[in-house]
PDB file of N, CA and C in Angstrom:
ATOM      1  N   MET A   1       9.966-141.723  22.325  1.00  0.00           N
ATOM      2  CA  MET A   1       8.963-142.499  23.025  1.00  0.00           C
ATOM      3  C   MET A   1       9.671-143.652  23.735  1.00  0.00           C
ATOM      4  N   THR A   2       9.463-143.768  25.021  1.00  0.00           N
ATOM      5  CA  THR A   2      10.094-144.830  25.804  1.00  0.00           C
ATOM      6  C   THR A   2       9.249-146.100  25.754  1.00  0.00           C
ATOM      7  N   GLU A   3       9.820-147.191  26.265  1.00  0.00           N
ATOM      8  CA  GLU A   3       9.072-148.439  26.331  1.00  0.00           C
ATOM      9  C   GLU A   3       7.828-148.263  27.201  1.00  0.00           C
ATOM     10  N   GLN A   4       7.968-147.517  28.275  1.00  0.00           N
ATOM     11  CA  GLN A   4       6.821-147.264  29.151  1.00  0.00           C
ATOM     12  C   GLN A   4       5.733-146.483  28.413  1.00  0.00           C
ATOM     13  N   ASP A   5       6.137-145.558  27.547  1.00  0.00           N
ATOM     14  CA  ASP A   5       5.166-144.806  26.743  1.00  0.00           C
ATOM     15  C   ASP A   5       4.409-145.738  25.803  1.00  0.00           C
ATOM     16  N   VAL A   6       5.146-146.657  25.176  1.00  0.00           N
ATOM     17  CA  VAL A   6       4.515-147.606  24.248  1.00  0.00           C
ATOM     18  C   VAL A   6       3.554-148.508  25.011  1.00  0.00           C
ATOM     19  N   LEU A   7       3.987-149.001  26.169  1.00  0.00           N
ATOM     20  CA  LEU A   7       3.112-149.861  26.967  1.00  0.00           C
ATOM     21  C   LEU A   7       1.871-149.105  27.444  1.00  0.00           C
ATOM     22  N   ALA A   8       2.031-147.847  27.807  1.00  0.00           N
ATOM     23  CA  ALA A   8       0.879-147.033  28.219  1.00  0.00           C
ATOM     24  C   ALA A   8      -0.073-146.833  27.045  1.00  0.00           C
ATOM     25  N   ARG A   9       0.486-146.650  25.854  1.00  0.00           N
ATOM     26  CA  ARG A   9      -0.341-146.494  24.647  1.00  0.00           C
ATOM     27  C   ARG A   9      -1.135-147.773  24.387  1.00  0.00           C
ATOM     28  N   ILE A  10      -0.474-148.907  24.519  1.00  0.00           N
ATOM     29  CA  ILE A  10      -1.159-150.191  24.319  1.00  0.00           C
ATOM     30  C   ILE A  10      -2.296-150.341  25.321  1.00  0.00           C
ATOM     31  N   LYS A  11      -2.030-150.026  26.583  1.00  0.00           N
ATOM     32  CA  LYS A  11      -3.076-150.135  27.608  1.00  0.00           C
ATOM     33  C   LYS A  11      -4.246-149.217  27.297  1.00  0.00           C
ATOM     34  N   ALA A  12      -3.969-147.991  26.869  1.00  0.00           N
ATOM     35  CA  ALA A  12      -5.038-147.047  26.538  1.00  0.00           C
ATOM     36  C   ALA A  12      -5.878-147.558  25.368  1.00  0.00           C
ATOM     37  N   LEU A  13      -5.228-148.138  24.369  1.00  0.00           N
ATOM     38  CA  LEU A  13      -5.959-148.670  23.215  1.00  0.00           C
ATOM     39  C   LEU A  13      -6.813-149.871  23.613  1.00  0.00           C
ATOM     40  N   VAL A  14      -6.284-150.730  24.461  1.00  0.00           N
ATOM     41  CA  VAL A  14      -7.051-151.889  24.942  1.00  0.00           C
ATOM     42  C   VAL A  14      -8.251-151.413  25.760  1.00  0.00           C
ATOM     43  N   ASP A  15      -8.047-150.394  26.580  1.00  0.00           N
ATOM     44  CA  ASP A  15      -9.156-149.831  27.351  1.00  0.00           C
ATOM     45  C   ASP A  15     -10.236-149.270  26.420  1.00  0.00           C
ATOM     46  N   GLN A  16      -9.813-148.598  25.352  1.00  0.00           N
ATOM     47  CA  GLN A  16     -10.778-148.071  24.374  1.00  0.00           C
ATOM     48  C   GLN A  16     -11.546-149.214  23.714  1.00  0.00           C
ATOM     49  N   GLU A  17     -10.834-150.291  23.400  1.00  0.00           N
ATOM     50  CA  GLU A  17     -11.479-151.450  22.781  1.00  0.00           C
ATOM     51  C   GLU A  17     -12.534-152.031  23.724  1.00  0.00           C
ATOM     52  N   HIS A  18     -12.197-152.166  24.993  1.00  0.00           N
ATOM     53  CA  HIS A  18     -13.155-152.702  25.957  1.00  0.00           C
ATOM     54  C   HIS A  18     -14.371-151.786  26.086  1.00  0.00           C
ATOM     55  N   GLU A  19     -14.143-150.485  26.087  1.00  0.00           N
ATOM     56  CA  GLU A  19     -15.253-149.529  26.186  1.00  0.00           C
ATOM     57  C   GLU A  19     -16.171-149.630  24.966  1.00  0.00           C
ATOM     58  N   LEU A  20     -15.574-149.755  23.787  1.00  0.00           N
ATOM     59  CA  LEU A  20     -16.385-149.912  22.572  1.00  0.00           C
ATOM     60  C   LEU A  20     -17.245-151.163  22.650  1.00  0.00           C
ATOM     61  N   ARG A  21     -16.633-152.243  23.077  1.00  0.00           N
ATOM     62  CA  ARG A  21     -17.374-153.506  23.166  1.00  0.00           C
ATOM     63  C   ARG A  21     -18.488-153.418  24.220  1.00  0.00           C
ATOM     64  N   ALA A  22     -18.233-152.716  25.304  1.00  0.00           N
ATOM     65  CA  ALA A  22     -19.251-152.541  26.340  1.00  0.00           C
ATOM     66  C   ALA A  22     -20.419-151.716  25.804  1.00  0.00           C
ATOM     67  N   GLN A  23     -20.108-150.645  25.081  1.00  0.00           N
ATOM     68  CA  GLN A  23     -21.159-149.813  24.493  1.00  0.00           C
ATOM     69  C   GLN A  23     -21.970-150.621  23.490  1.00  0.00           C
ATOM     70  N   ALA A  24     -21.295-151.436  22.701  1.00  0.00           N
ATOM     71  CA  ALA A  24     -21.987-152.241  21.696  1.00  0.00           C
ATOM     72  C   ALA A  24     -22.904-153.263  22.359  1.00  0.00           C
ATOM     73  N   SER A  25     -22.433-153.869  23.439  1.00  0.00           N
ATOM     74  CA  SER A  25     -23.260-154.877  24.110  1.00  0.00           C
ATOM     75  C   SER A  25     -24.474-154.251  24.786  1.00  0.00           C
ATOM     76  N   LYS A  26     -24.366-152.969  25.176  1.00  0.00           N
ATOM     77  CA  LYS A  26     -25.493-152.259  25.769  1.00  0.00           C
ATOM     78  C   LYS A  26     -26.448-151.719  24.718  1.00  0.00           C
ATOM     79  N   GLY A  27     -26.021-151.767  23.459  1.00  0.00           N
ATOM     80  CA  GLY A  27     -26.859-151.254  22.379  1.00  0.00           C
ATOM     81  C   GLY A  27     -26.771-149.744  22.210  1.00  0.00           C
ATOM     82  N   THR A  28     -25.763-149.117  22.815  1.00  0.00           N
ATOM     83  CA  THR A  28     -25.621-147.663  22.707  1.00  0.00           C
ATOM     84  C   THR A  28     -24.688-147.257  21.575  1.00  0.00           C
ATOM     85  N   LEU A  29     -24.218-148.237  20.811  1.00  0.00           N
ATOM     86  CA  LEU A  29     -23.305-147.950  19.708  1.00  0.00           C
ATOM     87  C   LEU A  29     -23.765-148.706  18.478  1.00  0.00           C
ATOM     88  N   ASP A  30     -23.847-148.010  17.378  1.00  0.00           N
ATOM     89  CA  ASP A  30     -24.223-148.608  16.099  1.00  0.00           C
ATOM     90  C   ASP A  30     -23.189-149.687  15.739  1.00  0.00           C
ATOM     91  N   PRO A  31     -23.643-150.889  15.380  1.00  0.00           N
ATOM     92  CA  PRO A  31     -22.699-151.966  15.048  1.00  0.00           C
ATOM     93  C   PRO A  31     -21.728-151.597  13.927  1.00  0.00           C
ATOM     94  N   LYS A  32     -22.179-150.821  12.959  1.00  0.00           N
ATOM     95  CA  LYS A  32     -21.303-150.410  11.858  1.00  0.00           C
ATOM     96  C   LYS A  32     -20.192-149.499  12.390  1.00  0.00           C
ATOM     97  N   VAL A  33     -20.543-148.586  13.286  1.00  0.00           N
ATOM     98  CA  VAL A  33     -19.558-147.687  13.895  1.00  0.00           C
ATOM     99  C   VAL A  33     -18.589-148.503  14.745  1.00  0.00           C
ATOM    100  N   GLU A  34     -19.134-149.473  15.481  1.00  0.00           N
ATOM    101  CA  GLU A  34     -18.290-150.329  16.313  1.00  0.00           C
ATOM    102  C   GLU A  34     -17.249-151.047  15.457  1.00  0.00           C
ATOM    103  N   ARG A  35     -17.668-151.673  14.368  1.00  0.00           N
ATOM    104  CA  ARG A  35     -16.738-152.403  13.500  1.00  0.00           C
ATOM    105  C   ARG A  35     -15.654-151.484  12.958  1.00  0.00           C
ATOM    106  N   GLN A  36     -16.058-150.288  12.526  1.00  0.00           N
ATOM    107  CA  GLN A  36     -15.095-149.345  11.973  1.00  0.00           C
ATOM    108  C   GLN A  36     -14.075-148.922  13.039  1.00  0.00           C
ATOM    109  N   GLN A  37     -14.573-148.563  14.207  1.00  0.00           N
ATOM    110  CA  GLN A  37     -13.678-148.107  15.263  1.00  0.00           C
ATOM    111  C   GLN A  37     -12.791-149.237  15.776  1.00  0.00           C
ATOM    112  N   LEU A  38     -13.340-150.447  15.865  1.00  0.00           N
ATOM    113  CA  LEU A  38     -12.526-151.581  16.294  1.00  0.00           C
ATOM    114  C   LEU A  38     -11.427-151.882  15.279  1.00  0.00           C
ATOM    115  N   ALA A  39     -11.747-151.777  13.996  1.00  0.00           N
ATOM    116  CA  ALA A  39     -10.737-152.008  12.962  1.00  0.00           C
ATOM    117  C   ALA A  39      -9.608-150.986  13.088  1.00  0.00           C
ATOM    118  N   GLU A  40      -9.957-149.734  13.337  1.00  0.00           N
ATOM    119  CA  GLU A  40      -8.940-148.687  13.504  1.00  0.00           C
ATOM    120  C   GLU A  40      -8.087-148.957  14.743  1.00  0.00           C
ATOM    121  N   LEU A  41      -8.736-149.349  15.830  1.00  0.00           N
ATOM    122  CA  LEU A  41      -8.003-149.660  17.059  1.00  0.00           C
ATOM    123  C   LEU A  41      -7.054-150.846  16.864  1.00  0.00           C
ATOM    124  N   GLU A  42      -7.507-151.851  16.139  1.00  0.00           N
ATOM    125  CA  GLU A  42      -6.671-153.026  15.894  1.00  0.00           C
ATOM    126  C   GLU A  42      -5.393-152.647  15.144  1.00  0.00           C
ATOM    127  N   VAL A  43      -5.516-151.772  14.172  1.00  0.00           N
ATOM    128  CA  VAL A  43      -4.336-151.327  13.423  1.00  0.00           C
ATOM    129  C   VAL A  43      -3.396-150.557  14.344  1.00  0.00           C
ATOM    130  N   MET A  44      -3.939-149.663  15.156  1.00  0.00           N
ATOM    131  CA  MET A  44      -3.097-148.894  16.080  1.00  0.00           C
ATOM    132  C   MET A  44      -2.421-149.816  17.101  1.00  0.00           C
ATOM    133  N   LEU A  45      -3.147-150.831  17.573  1.00  0.00           N
ATOM    134  CA  LEU A  45      -2.550-151.799  18.495  1.00  0.00           C
ATOM    135  C   LEU A  45      -1.437-152.585  17.814  1.00  0.00           C
ATOM    136  N   ASP A  46      -1.668-153.016  16.589  1.00  0.00           N
ATOM    137  CA  ASP A  46      -0.636-153.737  15.847  1.00  0.00           C
ATOM    138  C   ASP A  46       0.617-152.874  15.691  1.00  0.00           C
ATOM    139  N   GLN A  47       0.421-151.595  15.396  1.00  0.00           N
ATOM    140  CA  GLN A  47       1.563-150.691  15.255  1.00  0.00           C
ATOM    141  C   GLN A  47       2.312-150.541  16.579  1.00  0.00           C
ATOM    142  N   ALA A  48       1.583-150.412  17.668  1.00  0.00           N
ATOM    143  CA  ALA A  48       2.217-150.235  18.969  1.00  0.00           C
ATOM    144  C   ALA A  48       2.994-151.490  19.372  1.00  0.00           C
ATOM    145  N   TRP A  49       2.406-152.665  19.192  1.00  0.00           N
ATOM    146  CA  TRP A  49       3.111-153.909  19.516  1.00  0.00           C
ATOM    147  C   TRP A  49       4.342-154.071  18.624  1.00  0.00           C
ATOM    148  N   ASP A  50       4.213-153.711  17.355  1.00  0.00           N
ATOM    149  CA  ASP A  50       5.333-153.803  16.429  1.00  0.00           C
ATOM    150  C   ASP A  50       6.469-152.879  16.870  1.00  0.00           C
ATOM    151  N   LEU A  51       6.135-151.662  17.267  1.00  0.00           N
ATOM    152  CA  LEU A  51       7.145-150.718  17.741  1.00  0.00           C
ATOM    153  C   LEU A  51       7.843-151.267  18.988  1.00  0.00           C
ATOM    154  N   LEU A  52       7.077-151.857  19.886  1.00  0.00           N
ATOM    155  CA  LEU A  52       7.657-152.437  21.087  1.00  0.00           C
ATOM    156  C   LEU A  52       8.638-153.555  20.727  1.00  0.00           C
ATOM    157  N   ARG A  53       8.256-154.410  19.782  1.00  0.00           N
ATOM    158  CA  ARG A  53       9.153-155.489  19.341  1.00  0.00           C
ATOM    159  C   ARG A  53      10.429-154.917  18.717  1.00  0.00           C
ATOM    160  N   HIS A  54      10.280-153.866  17.898  1.00  0.00           N
ATOM    161  CA  HIS A  54      11.451-153.236  17.281  1.00  0.00           C
ATOM    162  C   HIS A  54      12.379-152.649  18.338  1.00  0.00           C
ATOM    163  N   ARG A  55      11.798-151.980  19.317  1.00  0.00           N
ATOM    164  CA  ARG A  55      12.615-151.391  20.390  1.00  0.00           C
ATOM    165  C   ARG A  55      13.394-152.481  21.130  1.00  0.00           C
ATOM    166  N   ARG A  56      12.721-153.563  21.470  1.00  0.00           N
ATOM    167  CA  ARG A  56      13.364-154.643  22.213  1.00  0.00           C
ATOM    168  C   ARG A  56      14.424-155.350  21.372  1.00  0.00           C
ATOM    169  N   ALA A  57      14.178-155.484  20.073  1.00  0.00           N
ATOM    170  CA  ALA A  57      15.174-156.091  19.186  1.00  0.00           C
ATOM    171  C   ALA A  57      16.421-155.218  19.115  1.00  0.00           C
ATOM    172  N   ARG A  58      16.244-153.910  19.080  1.00  0.00           N
ATOM    173  CA  ARG A  58      17.402-153.009  19.048  1.00  0.00           C
ATOM    174  C   ARG A  58      18.216-153.138  20.343  1.00  0.00           C
ATOM    175  N   ILE A  59      17.538-153.254  21.463  1.00  0.00           N
ATOM    176  CA  ILE A  59      18.240-153.441  22.738  1.00  0.00           C
ATOM    177  C   ILE A  59      19.053-154.732  22.699  1.00  0.00           C
ATOM    178  N   ASP A  60      18.426-155.818  22.209  1.00  0.00           N
ATOM    179  CA  ASP A  60      19.113-157.113  22.117  1.00  0.00           C
ATOM    180  C   ASP A  60      20.344-157.041  21.222  1.00  0.00           C
ATOM    181  N   GLN A  61      20.319-156.146  20.237  1.00  0.00           N
ATOM    182  CA  GLN A  61      21.442-155.996  19.303  1.00  0.00           C
ATOM    183  C   GLN A  61      22.452-154.954  19.778  1.00  0.00           C
ATOM    184  N   GLY A  62      22.226-154.413  20.967  1.00  0.00           N
ATOM    185  CA  GLY A  62      23.134-153.425  21.512  1.00  0.00           C
ATOM    186  C   GLY A  62      22.968-152.041  20.912  1.00  0.00           C
ATOM    187  N   GLU A  63      21.844-151.806  20.277  1.00  0.00           N
ATOM    188  CA  GLU A  63      21.559-150.510  19.663  1.00  0.00           C
ATOM    189  C   GLU A  63      20.606-149.712  20.542  1.00  0.00           C
ATOM    190  N   SER A  64      20.472-148.451  20.221  1.00  0.00           N
ATOM    191  CA  SER A  64      19.552-147.592  20.965  1.00  0.00           C
ATOM    192  C   SER A  64      18.114-147.890  20.562  1.00  0.00           C
ATOM    193  N   PRO A  65      17.244-148.153  21.523  1.00  0.00           N
ATOM    194  CA  PRO A  65      15.842-148.405  21.190  1.00  0.00           C
ATOM    195  C   PRO A  65      15.139-147.144  20.679  1.00  0.00           C
ATOM    196  N   ASP A  66      15.721-145.988  20.967  1.00  0.00           N
ATOM    197  CA  ASP A  66      15.099-144.727  20.568  1.00  0.00           C
ATOM    198  C   ASP A  66      15.142-144.490  19.065  1.00  0.00           C
ATOM    199  N   THR A  67      15.914-145.304  18.343  1.00  0.00           N
ATOM    200  CA  THR A  67      15.964-145.151  16.889  1.00  0.00           C
ATOM    201  C   THR A  67      14.841-145.918  16.193  1.00  0.00           C
ATOM    202  N   ALA A  68      14.104-146.724  16.961  1.00  0.00           N
ATOM    203  CA  ALA A  68      12.985-147.482  16.380  1.00  0.00           C
ATOM    204  C   ALA A  68      11.859-146.520  16.000  1.00  0.00           C
ATOM    205  N   GLU A  69      11.332-146.726  14.824  1.00  0.00           N
ATOM    206  CA  GLU A  69      10.232-145.901  14.317  1.00  0.00           C
ATOM    207  C   GLU A  69       8.987-146.760  14.131  1.00  0.00           C
ATOM    208  N   PRO A  70       7.815-146.179  14.339  1.00  0.00           N
ATOM    209  CA  PRO A  70       6.580-146.946  14.096  1.00  0.00           C
ATOM    210  C   PRO A  70       6.473-147.328  12.614  1.00  0.00           C
ATOM    211  N   SER A  71       6.025-148.526  12.364  1.00  0.00           N
ATOM    212  CA  SER A  71       5.778-148.975  11.000  1.00  0.00           C
ATOM    213  C   SER A  71       4.451-148.421  10.513  1.00  0.00           C
ATOM    214  N   SER A  72       4.320-148.303   9.212  1.00  0.00           N
ATOM    215  CA  SER A  72       3.074-147.801   8.636  1.00  0.00           C
ATOM    216  C   SER A  72       1.968-148.839   8.815  1.00  0.00           C
ATOM    217  N   PRO A  73       0.715-148.399   8.790  1.00  0.00           N
ATOM    218  CA  PRO A  73      -0.384-149.364   8.900  1.00  0.00           C
ATOM    219  C   PRO A  73      -0.322-150.445   7.817  1.00  0.00           C
ATOM    220  N   GLY A  74       0.017-150.053   6.604  1.00  0.00           N
ATOM    221  CA  GLY A  74       0.088-151.023   5.516  1.00  0.00           C
ATOM    222  C   GLY A  74       1.152-152.086   5.746  1.00  0.00           C
ATOM    223  N   GLN A  75       2.291-151.666   6.271  1.00  0.00           N
ATOM    224  CA  GLN A  75       3.372-152.593   6.544  1.00  0.00           C
ATOM    225  C   GLN A  75       2.982-153.550   7.658  1.00  0.00           C
ATOM    226  N   VAL A  76       2.444-153.018   8.751  1.00  0.00           N
ATOM    227  CA  VAL A  76       2.078-153.861   9.903  1.00  0.00           C
ATOM    228  C   VAL A  76       0.958-154.823   9.533  1.00  0.00           C
ATOM    229  N   GLU A  77      -0.004-154.374   8.795  1.00  0.00           N
ATOM    230  CA  GLU A  77      -1.130-155.229   8.444  1.00  0.00           C
ATOM    231  C   GLU A  77      -0.760-156.234   7.346  1.00  0.00           C
ATOM    232  N   GLY A  78       0.370-155.996   6.682  1.00  0.00           N
ATOM    233  CA  GLY A  78       0.806-156.898   5.626  1.00  0.00           C
ATOM    234  C   GLY A  78       1.695-158.037   6.101  1.00  0.00           C
ATOM    235  N   TYR A  79       2.061-158.030   7.396  1.00  0.00           N
ATOM    236  CA  TYR A  79       2.895-159.107   7.909  1.00  0.00           C
ATOM    237  C   TYR A  79       2.166-160.432   7.805  1.00  0.00           C
ATOM    238  N   LEU A  80       2.916-161.476   7.490  1.00  0.00           N
ATOM    239  CA  LEU A  80       2.337-162.815   7.455  1.00  0.00           C
ATOM    240  C   LEU A  80       2.317-163.376   8.861  1.00  0.00           C
ATOM    241  N   GLN A  81       1.254-164.079   9.187  1.00  0.00           N
ATOM    242  CA  GLN A  81       1.131-164.674  10.526  1.00  0.00           C
ATOM    243  C   GLN A  81       1.783-166.022  10.576  1.00  0.00           C
TER     244      GLN A  81
END
């Protein structure tokens, strides 16, 4: 997966988030379903941003960015802010 692939994935997830919020504001989406789907999207976005950071860190260290692997949802969600 290239950096462009990761960025495209992030954009697609953000677009999905906006669509969910639009459906919710129109009343065409059950609020419980919205919360569940938004929570899932947030985890996927966190993973994608984390992968992008890992790829860029490898480049800065003179390593191949292609060796970066996505972190698990538990690992990404467990990071301290």
